[in-house]
Amino acid sequence: MSNNSTKILFLMTLISGLLITLCANSWMGAWMGLEINLLSFIPLLSSNKNMFSTEASLKYFLIQVIASSTLLFLILLKTNIHEMFYMKKFMSWNNLIMIPLLMKIAATPFHWWLPSVVEGLSWMNCFIILSIQKIAPLMLISYLLINNHFIQIVIITSALVGAIGGLNQISLRKILSFSSINHIAWMLVAMILGSNLWLLYFIVYTINIISIMSLTAMTNLSYISQSFNSMNNQKIIKFTLFIAMLSLGGLPPFLGFFPKWIMIQFMAQNLMIFTSIILILSSLLTLYYYMRIMYTTLMITNSEILWTVSTYSKNMYSKMIMFSLSTLLFGMLTCSLTMLMY
């Protein structure tokens, strides 16, 4: 009970640090919220049941402290040299202050720490790192972002590294971390195209990884090879998991294609042809390694001939599966109808 109450306390302070950053009207207030958020998350990472969690929490702490101290140094330097609120006039300062924030969200070339940290964590902590912990830095980046050569290089390299890095991985956690790096490129492009477009993309991305991580935690999957002959008596879980993966990769007609469809249309209107080609090709590569897992699991190494679909016995699990299936399958249809109405 004490362990659960401690986790609830740190989760509350983690959310409060996030809200402080989102509501801050000064850069020092935003930095303070980031620090509260970080110091609340470190105790949640360490676990007695997982021997790799201590190493992962130490790596995460060191990287985040380096980024936070660099951000504080640049904020104080900018305050001493210029007025802090005239950020848009100094493009070089915008790029400098964005560097520690890009390190916090693991954008290329500051991505090296994310796969090794995620590999040693539980699925719940993986979800927090890949979604909740990115909200505050992404919001601060959206205040500073200007379309220039520096941010275009970050977008293109993040898309390529996220796509190519996941090709030779056998760990599902590392595959999802490289996929997250690829999605960061899409979110940065969304910030260039519109102030609220990245929020739509982030919400859909979060729905997808909630579906994937809840199902992998439910079936205790960590590696690709574990999915080959597992879940044969609960095929609905297997189908839902791979539908969620295809949705995360952006395959139509699933929900994950909807924000990419909007962004491709916006990029074509703004003549960002080269960037859109790189992002689309990188998404095809991420789809390739999801399809590789799916094809091998469902076709080659499946040990049963009979493909009967049986429901899962526990009520909570069946509700989670039905929610994931309905959201991923009918979310795209709902969003398209909403667009047509407006």
Protein backbone atom coordinates (compact mmCIF):
# COMPACT_ATOMS: atom_id res chain seq x y z
CA MET A 1 0.00 0.00 0.00
CA SER A 2 2.83 2.41 0.83
CA ASN A 3 4.35 1.74 -2.58
CA ASN A 4 1.08 2.59 -4.34
CA SER A 5 0.57 5.77 -2.31
CA THR A 6 4.13 6.87 -3.14
CA LYS A 7 3.50 6.29 -6.83
CA ILE A 8 0.26 8.29 -6.66
CA LEU A 9 2.11 11.16 -4.92
CA PHE A 10 4.88 11.27 -7.53
CA LEU A 11 2.37 11.00 -10.38
CA MET A 12 0.49 13.99 -8.98
CA THR A 13 3.68 16.06 -8.69
CA LEU A 14 4.69 14.93 -12.20
CA ILE A 15 1.39 16.21 -13.60
CA SER A 16 1.70 19.41 -11.55
CA GLY A 17 5.19 20.06 -12.97
CA LEU A 18 3.77 19.57 -16.46
CA LEU A 19 0.93 22.03 -15.75
CA ILE A 20 3.36 24.59 -14.29
CA THR A 21 5.35 24.51 -17.55
CA LEU A 22 2.23 24.77 -19.70
CA CYS A 23 0.83 27.69 -17.67
CA ALA A 24 4.11 29.56 -17.13
CA ASN A 25 4.39 33.11 -18.45
CA SER A 26 8.18 33.25 -18.09
CA TRP A 27 11.01 31.00 -19.17
CA MET A 28 12.22 30.59 -15.60
CA GLY A 29 8.76 29.34 -14.60
CA ALA A 30 8.78 26.92 -17.52
CA TRP A 31 12.23 25.64 -16.47
CA MET A 32 11.03 25.18 -12.88
CA GLY A 33 8.07 23.11 -14.10
CA LEU A 34 10.42 20.92 -16.16
CA GLU A 35 12.58 20.31 -13.07
CA ILE A 36 9.60 19.37 -10.87
CA ASN A 37 8.43 17.03 -13.63
CA LEU A 38 11.87 15.38 -13.89
CA LEU A 39 12.44 14.95 -10.14
CA SER A 40 8.97 13.41 -9.77
CA PHE A 41 9.56 10.91 -12.56
CA ILE A 42 12.94 9.54 -11.39
CA PRO A 43 11.50 7.67 -8.32
CA LEU A 44 8.83 6.14 -10.57
CA LEU A 45 11.52 4.65 -12.84
CA SER A 46 13.37 2.65 -10.20
CA SER A 47 11.91 -0.76 -9.31
CA ASN A 48 13.09 -3.71 -7.24
CA LYS A 49 11.52 -6.17 -9.69
CA ASN A 50 13.54 -4.98 -12.70
CA MET A 51 17.34 -5.14 -12.53
CA PHE A 52 17.76 -2.77 -15.52
CA SER A 53 15.54 0.01 -14.16
CA THR A 54 18.26 1.58 -11.96
CA GLU A 55 20.64 1.89 -14.90
CA ALA A 56 17.87 3.29 -17.10
CA SER A 57 16.79 5.83 -14.47
CA LEU A 58 20.41 7.00 -14.01
CA LYS A 59 20.87 7.44 -17.78
CA TYR A 60 17.59 9.32 -18.04
CA PHE A 61 18.47 11.54 -15.06
CA LEU A 62 21.91 12.47 -16.46
CA ILE A 63 20.59 13.31 -19.93
CA GLN A 64 17.70 15.39 -18.59
CA VAL A 65 19.93 17.24 -16.11
CA ILE A 66 22.39 18.13 -18.89
CA ALA A 67 19.49 19.42 -21.02
CA SER A 68 17.91 21.35 -18.10
CA SER A 69 21.18 22.98 -17.01
CA THR A 70 21.95 23.98 -20.61
CA LEU A 71 18.45 25.45 -20.95
CA LEU A 72 18.85 27.44 -17.72
CA PHE A 73 22.27 28.72 -18.80
CA LEU A 74 20.93 29.86 -22.18
CA ILE A 75 17.88 31.52 -20.58
CA LEU A 76 20.07 33.50 -18.15
CA LEU A 77 22.50 34.41 -20.94
CA LYS A 78 19.67 35.60 -23.18
CA THR A 79 18.16 37.63 -20.32
CA ASN A 80 21.50 39.38 -19.72
CA ILE A 81 22.13 40.17 -23.40
CA HIS A 82 18.63 40.93 -24.75
CA GLU A 83 15.10 41.25 -23.56
CA MET A 84 13.74 37.72 -23.04
CA PHE A 85 10.38 38.30 -24.69
CA TYR A 86 11.75 39.36 -28.07
CA MET A 87 12.52 35.81 -29.16
CA LYS A 88 11.24 36.03 -32.72
CA LYS A 89 13.76 38.69 -33.73
CA PHE A 90 16.80 36.52 -33.03
CA MET A 91 16.65 33.30 -35.03
CA SER A 92 20.07 32.09 -33.85
CA TRP A 93 18.93 32.38 -30.20
CA ASN A 94 15.78 30.45 -30.99
CA ASN A 95 17.87 27.63 -32.44
CA LEU A 96 20.21 27.63 -29.42
CA ILE A 97 17.42 27.50 -26.84
CA MET A 98 15.68 24.74 -28.80
CA ILE A 99 18.74 22.43 -28.60
CA PRO A 100 18.23 21.33 -24.93
CA LEU A 101 14.48 20.99 -25.56
CA LEU A 102 15.18 18.77 -28.59
CA MET A 103 17.46 16.69 -26.34
CA LYS A 104 14.60 16.26 -23.86
CA ILE A 105 12.27 14.85 -26.52
CA ALA A 106 15.04 12.73 -28.14
CA ALA A 107 15.03 14.38 -31.57
CA THR A 108 17.97 13.58 -33.83
CA PRO A 109 20.93 14.16 -33.35
CA PHE A 110 20.15 14.00 -29.60
CA HIS A 111 18.29 10.69 -29.80
CA TRP A 112 20.98 8.22 -28.67
CA TRP A 113 19.74 7.87 -25.09
CA LEU A 114 16.10 6.95 -25.74
CA PRO A 115 16.36 3.29 -26.98
CA SER A 116 18.74 2.24 -24.20
CA VAL A 117 16.65 3.96 -21.48
CA VAL A 118 13.32 2.55 -22.75
CA GLU A 119 14.78 -0.96 -22.96
CA GLY A 120 15.20 -1.20 -19.18
CA LEU A 121 11.76 0.10 -18.13
CA SER A 122 8.31 -1.33 -17.54
CA TRP A 123 5.58 -0.72 -20.13
CA MET A 124 3.90 1.89 -17.93
CA ASN A 125 7.11 3.92 -17.61
CA CYS A 126 7.72 3.50 -21.35
CA PHE A 127 4.32 5.04 -21.99
CA ILE A 128 5.08 8.00 -19.69
CA ILE A 129 8.47 8.66 -21.37
CA LEU A 130 7.10 8.38 -24.90
CA SER A 131 4.00 10.50 -24.33
CA ILE A 132 3.49 12.53 -21.12
CA GLN A 133 7.13 13.57 -20.70
CA LYS A 134 7.18 15.05 -24.22
CA ILE A 135 4.21 17.40 -23.79
CA ALA A 136 6.01 20.23 -21.96
CA PRO A 137 9.18 20.35 -24.16
CA LEU A 138 7.05 20.17 -27.32
CA MET A 139 4.92 23.07 -26.10
CA LEU A 140 8.04 25.17 -25.40
CA ILE A 141 9.47 24.28 -28.82
CA SER A 142 6.23 25.41 -30.45
CA TYR A 143 6.80 28.89 -28.94
CA LEU A 144 10.23 29.15 -30.56
CA LEU A 145 9.95 27.25 -33.82
CA ILE A 146 10.72 29.09 -37.05
CA ASN A 147 11.09 27.31 -40.37
CA ASN A 148 14.82 27.46 -41.19
CA HIS A 149 17.66 25.20 -42.31
CA PHE A 150 18.46 24.00 -38.78
CA ILE A 151 14.96 22.73 -38.03
CA GLN A 152 14.64 21.19 -41.51
CA ILE A 153 17.84 19.19 -40.89
CA VAL A 154 16.48 18.04 -37.51
CA ILE A 155 13.18 16.97 -39.12
CA ILE A 156 14.79 15.03 -41.99
CA THR A 157 17.42 13.30 -39.82
CA SER A 158 14.81 12.39 -37.16
CA ALA A 159 12.58 10.84 -39.82
CA LEU A 160 15.44 8.83 -41.35
CA VAL A 161 17.03 7.71 -38.06
CA GLY A 162 13.65 6.70 -36.62
CA ALA A 163 12.86 4.66 -39.73
CA ILE A 164 16.25 3.02 -40.34
CA GLY A 165 17.12 2.48 -36.66
CA GLY A 166 14.16 0.18 -36.06
CA LEU A 167 14.91 -2.17 -38.97
CA ASN A 168 17.40 -4.44 -37.17
CA GLN A 169 15.77 -4.41 -33.71
CA ILE A 170 14.22 -7.45 -32.04
CA SER A 171 12.96 -5.66 -28.90
CA LEU A 172 9.46 -4.18 -29.08
CA ARG A 173 10.48 -1.39 -26.70
CA LYS A 174 13.34 -0.31 -28.97
CA ILE A 175 11.11 -0.51 -32.04
CA LEU A 176 8.57 1.78 -30.35
CA SER A 177 11.34 4.18 -29.25
CA PHE A 178 12.69 4.50 -32.83
CA SER A 179 9.11 4.91 -34.04
CA SER A 180 8.75 7.73 -31.50
CA ILE A 181 11.83 9.46 -32.98
CA ASN A 182 10.20 9.21 -36.41
CA HIS A 183 6.94 10.68 -35.08
CA ILE A 184 8.86 13.59 -33.53
CA ALA A 185 9.77 14.64 -37.10
CA TRP A 186 6.07 14.71 -38.03
CA MET A 187 5.24 16.75 -34.91
CA LEU A 188 7.95 19.33 -35.69
CA VAL A 189 6.57 19.71 -39.22
CA ALA A 190 3.08 20.08 -37.71
CA MET A 191 4.38 22.97 -35.56
CA ILE A 192 5.65 24.73 -38.69
CA LEU A 193 2.33 24.25 -40.51
CA GLY A 194 0.01 25.28 -37.66
CA SER A 195 0.16 26.01 -33.96
CA ASN A 196 -2.47 23.42 -32.95
CA LEU A 197 -1.86 20.79 -35.63
CA TRP A 198 0.88 19.08 -33.62
CA LEU A 199 -1.58 18.64 -30.73
CA LEU A 200 -3.94 16.65 -32.97
CA TYR A 201 -1.04 14.49 -34.14
CA PHE A 202 0.15 13.96 -30.57
CA ILE A 203 -3.33 12.91 -29.35
CA VAL A 204 -3.69 10.31 -32.12
CA TYR A 205 -0.13 9.06 -31.48
CA THR A 206 -0.92 8.72 -27.76
CA ILE A 207 -4.10 6.72 -28.49
CA ASN A 208 -2.07 4.34 -30.65
CA ILE A 209 0.67 3.69 -28.10
CA ILE A 210 -1.90 3.27 -25.30
CA SER A 211 -3.45 0.46 -27.35
CA ILE A 212 -0.09 -1.17 -28.14
CA MET A 213 1.42 -0.91 -24.65
CA SER A 214 -1.70 -2.05 -22.80
CA LEU A 215 -1.86 -5.18 -24.99
CA THR A 216 1.88 -5.93 -24.72
CA ALA A 217 1.74 -5.46 -20.95
CA MET A 218 -1.36 -7.68 -20.78
CA THR A 219 0.34 -10.52 -22.70
CA ASN A 220 3.82 -9.86 -21.21
CA LEU A 221 5.52 -9.38 -24.60
CA SER A 222 8.97 -7.82 -24.84
CA TYR A 223 10.59 -9.30 -27.96
CA ILE A 224 9.40 -10.15 -31.48
CA SER A 225 10.16 -13.84 -31.05
CA GLN A 226 7.77 -14.06 -28.07
CA SER A 227 4.84 -13.13 -30.31
CA PHE A 228 5.40 -15.99 -32.77
CA ASN A 229 3.66 -18.79 -30.90
CA SER A 230 1.96 -16.82 -28.14
CA MET A 231 -1.67 -15.65 -27.96
CA ASN A 232 -2.85 -18.58 -30.10
CA ASN A 233 -5.84 -19.11 -27.82
CA GLN A 234 -6.67 -15.37 -27.82
CA LYS A 235 -6.33 -14.37 -31.46
CA ILE A 236 -8.45 -11.25 -30.98
CA ILE A 237 -5.60 -9.83 -28.85
CA LYS A 238 -3.09 -10.65 -31.58
CA PHE A 239 -5.19 -9.01 -34.30
CA THR A 240 -5.85 -5.92 -32.15
CA LEU A 241 -2.13 -5.55 -31.38
CA PHE A 242 -1.13 -5.62 -35.02
CA ILE A 243 -3.97 -3.33 -36.09
CA ALA A 244 -2.64 -0.84 -33.48
CA MET A 245 0.89 -1.22 -34.91
CA LEU A 246 -0.33 -0.62 -38.47
CA SER A 247 -2.26 2.41 -37.22
CA LEU A 248 0.89 3.73 -35.54
CA GLY A 249 2.73 3.30 -38.82
CA GLY A 250 0.07 5.37 -40.60
CA LEU A 251 -1.63 2.79 -42.81
CA PRO A 252 -5.08 3.77 -44.12
CA PRO A 253 -7.89 3.32 -43.18
CA PHE A 254 -6.79 3.19 -39.54
CA LEU A 255 -6.81 6.15 -37.15
CA GLY A 256 -3.05 6.85 -37.39
CA PHE A 257 -3.36 7.81 -41.06
CA PHE A 258 -5.74 10.71 -40.34
CA PRO A 259 -3.21 13.30 -38.98
CA LYS A 260 -0.63 12.26 -41.60
CA TRP A 261 -3.24 12.75 -44.32
CA ILE A 262 -3.92 16.30 -43.08
CA MET A 263 -0.22 17.12 -42.83
CA ILE A 264 0.61 15.81 -46.30
CA GLN A 265 -2.14 18.06 -47.66
CA PHE A 266 -0.77 21.08 -45.74
CA MET A 267 2.82 20.35 -46.83
CA ALA A 268 1.71 20.17 -50.48
CA GLN A 269 -0.06 23.52 -50.11
CA ASN A 270 3.07 25.09 -48.56
CA LEU A 271 5.40 23.62 -51.23
CA MET A 272 7.35 21.50 -48.70
CA ILE A 273 7.78 18.80 -51.33
CA PHE A 274 11.20 17.43 -50.39
CA THR A 275 10.34 17.21 -46.67
CA SER A 276 7.03 15.49 -47.41
CA ILE A 277 8.75 12.90 -49.63
CA ILE A 278 11.29 12.09 -46.88
CA LEU A 279 8.55 11.78 -44.24
CA ILE A 280 6.36 9.56 -46.43
CA LEU A 281 9.28 7.26 -47.34
CA SER A 282 10.32 7.01 -43.68
CA SER A 283 6.74 6.08 -42.74
CA LEU A 284 6.87 3.31 -45.33
CA LEU A 285 10.01 1.98 -43.65
CA THR A 286 8.31 1.98 -40.23
CA LEU A 287 5.36 0.17 -41.80
CA TYR A 288 7.81 -2.38 -43.19
CA TYR A 289 9.11 -3.46 -39.79
CA TYR A 290 5.59 -3.62 -38.37
CA MET A 291 4.45 -5.69 -41.35
CA ARG A 292 7.49 -7.95 -40.93
CA ILE A 293 6.44 -8.80 -37.36
CA MET A 294 2.82 -9.25 -38.37
CA TYR A 295 3.47 -11.44 -41.42
CA THR A 296 5.87 -13.72 -39.56
CA THR A 297 3.58 -14.07 -36.54
CA LEU A 298 0.32 -14.64 -38.40
CA MET A 299 1.55 -16.61 -41.42
CA ILE A 300 4.91 -18.34 -41.06
CA THR A 301 5.41 -19.32 -37.42
CA ASN A 302 1.76 -19.71 -36.43
CA SER A 303 1.41 -23.25 -35.05
CA GLU A 304 -2.34 -23.65 -35.61
CA ILE A 305 -4.30 -24.35 -38.77
CA LEU A 306 -7.70 -23.41 -37.35
CA TRP A 307 -8.24 -19.63 -37.18
CA THR A 308 -11.08 -19.45 -34.69
CA VAL A 309 -11.34 -16.20 -32.77
CA SER A 310 -12.05 -16.67 -29.07
CA THR A 311 -12.74 -13.87 -26.65
CA TYR A 312 -10.61 -13.25 -23.61
CA SER A 313 -12.05 -14.45 -20.33
CA LYS A 314 -11.39 -11.46 -18.08
CA ASN A 315 -13.92 -8.67 -18.39
CA MET A 316 -11.46 -5.76 -18.09
CA TYR A 317 -9.22 -7.19 -20.80
CA SER A 318 -12.12 -7.72 -23.20
CA LYS A 319 -13.26 -4.11 -22.64
CA MET A 320 -9.75 -2.83 -23.38
CA ILE A 321 -9.55 -4.92 -26.56
CA MET A 322 -12.96 -3.75 -27.81
CA PHE A 323 -12.10 -0.11 -27.04
CA SER A 324 -8.80 -0.36 -28.94
CA LEU A 325 -10.40 -2.10 -31.92
CA SER A 326 -13.30 0.34 -32.20
CA THR A 327 -11.05 3.41 -31.81
CA LEU A 328 -8.49 2.28 -34.35
CA LEU A 329 -10.96 0.96 -36.91
CA PHE A 330 -13.71 3.58 -36.71
CA GLY A 331 -11.65 6.59 -35.61
CA MET A 332 -10.55 7.37 -39.16
CA LEU A 333 -14.17 7.21 -40.40
CA THR A 334 -15.37 9.50 -37.59
CA CYS A 335 -12.59 12.05 -38.17
CA SER A 336 -13.23 12.08 -41.94
CA LEU A 337 -16.96 12.66 -41.43
CA THR A 338 -16.16 15.48 -38.98
CA MET A 339 -13.93 17.14 -41.58
CA LEU A 340 -16.62 16.83 -44.25
CA MET A 341 -19.17 18.45 -41.92
CA TYR A 342 -16.92 21.45 -41.38
